[in-house]
Amino acid sequence: TFSDVAGSDQVLALGQIVATLTSLPDVARVEFRRGGELLEVPIPDGSLVRRPVTRVDYASLLSVGAANR
């Protein structure tokens, strides 16, 4: 399960999902839910947020990836 993934890897995985989905023309935010409940998700600054996340929330990861290309 996702909870078995280490914390820093969770942030990277979520960043990848958010970046992929928000690259679609009609997607600006992504919600993660289980059983209809909005989940807390980690963002790169180490905090947990219980709200839809955006590409901006993971921008620090995206800029690192772009620099490595």
Protein backbone atom coordinates (compact mmCIF):
# COMPACT_ATOMS: atom_id res chain seq x y z
CA THR A 1 0.00 0.00 0.00
CA PHE A 2 1.00 3.63 -0.33
CA SER A 3 1.56 3.88 3.42
CA ASP A 4 4.38 1.31 3.07
CA VAL A 5 6.36 3.80 0.97
CA ALA A 6 8.98 5.88 2.82
CA GLY A 7 8.02 9.53 3.50
CA SER A 8 10.39 11.19 1.03
CA ASP A 9 9.40 8.69 -1.66
CA GLN A 10 5.73 9.45 -0.97
CA VAL A 11 6.34 13.12 -1.70
CA LEU A 12 8.13 12.23 -4.96
CA ALA A 13 5.35 9.85 -5.99
CA LEU A 14 2.63 12.39 -5.21
CA GLY A 15 4.57 15.10 -7.03
CA GLN A 16 4.79 12.88 -10.10
CA ILE A 17 1.07 12.11 -9.99
CA VAL A 18 0.13 15.77 -9.53
CA ALA A 19 2.52 16.92 -12.29
CA THR A 20 1.15 14.32 -14.68
CA LEU A 21 -2.51 15.03 -13.98
CA THR A 22 -2.16 18.81 -13.98
CA SER A 23 -0.45 18.66 -17.36
CA LEU A 24 -3.89 17.77 -18.76
CA PRO A 25 -5.75 20.82 -20.06
CA ASP A 26 -8.78 20.56 -17.74
CA VAL A 27 -6.99 19.60 -14.50
CA ALA A 28 -5.70 22.32 -12.15
CA ARG A 29 -5.98 20.54 -8.77
CA VAL A 30 -5.82 16.96 -7.55
CA GLU A 31 -7.67 15.50 -4.56
CA PHE A 32 -6.66 12.27 -2.89
CA ARG A 33 -9.57 10.47 -1.28
CA ARG A 34 -10.25 7.15 0.41
CA GLY A 35 -13.80 6.10 1.14
CA GLY A 36 -14.97 9.55 0.08
CA GLU A 37 -12.79 11.26 2.73
CA LEU A 38 -10.22 13.83 1.65
CA LEU A 39 -6.80 12.55 2.73
CA GLU A 40 -3.86 14.45 4.19
CA VAL A 41 -0.95 14.35 1.77
CA PRO A 42 2.67 15.38 2.26
CA ILE A 43 4.17 18.26 0.33
CA PRO A 44 7.90 18.96 -0.11
CA ASP A 45 8.22 21.32 2.88
CA GLY A 46 7.38 18.37 5.14
CA SER A 47 3.88 19.47 6.07
CA LEU A 48 0.67 17.55 5.56
CA VAL A 49 -2.25 19.24 3.84
CA ARG A 50 -5.90 18.19 3.67
CA ARG A 51 -6.95 20.01 0.53
CA PRO A 52 -6.66 19.66 -3.22
CA VAL A 53 -3.01 20.07 -4.23
CA THR A 54 -1.62 21.80 -7.29
CA ARG A 55 1.51 21.76 -9.41
CA VAL A 56 2.69 24.79 -7.40
CA ASP A 57 2.70 22.67 -4.21
CA TYR A 58 5.35 20.41 -5.81
CA ALA A 59 7.20 23.09 -7.82
CA SER A 60 10.43 22.57 -5.89
CA LEU A 61 10.52 18.95 -7.06
CA LEU A 62 9.70 19.88 -10.62
CA SER A 63 12.46 22.46 -10.84
CA VAL A 64 15.00 19.94 -9.51
CA GLY A 65 13.90 17.43 -12.14
CA ALA A 66 14.14 20.03 -14.89
CA ALA A 67 17.67 20.96 -13.81
CA ASN A 68 18.77 17.33 -14.12
CA ARG A 69 17.66 16.96 -17.75
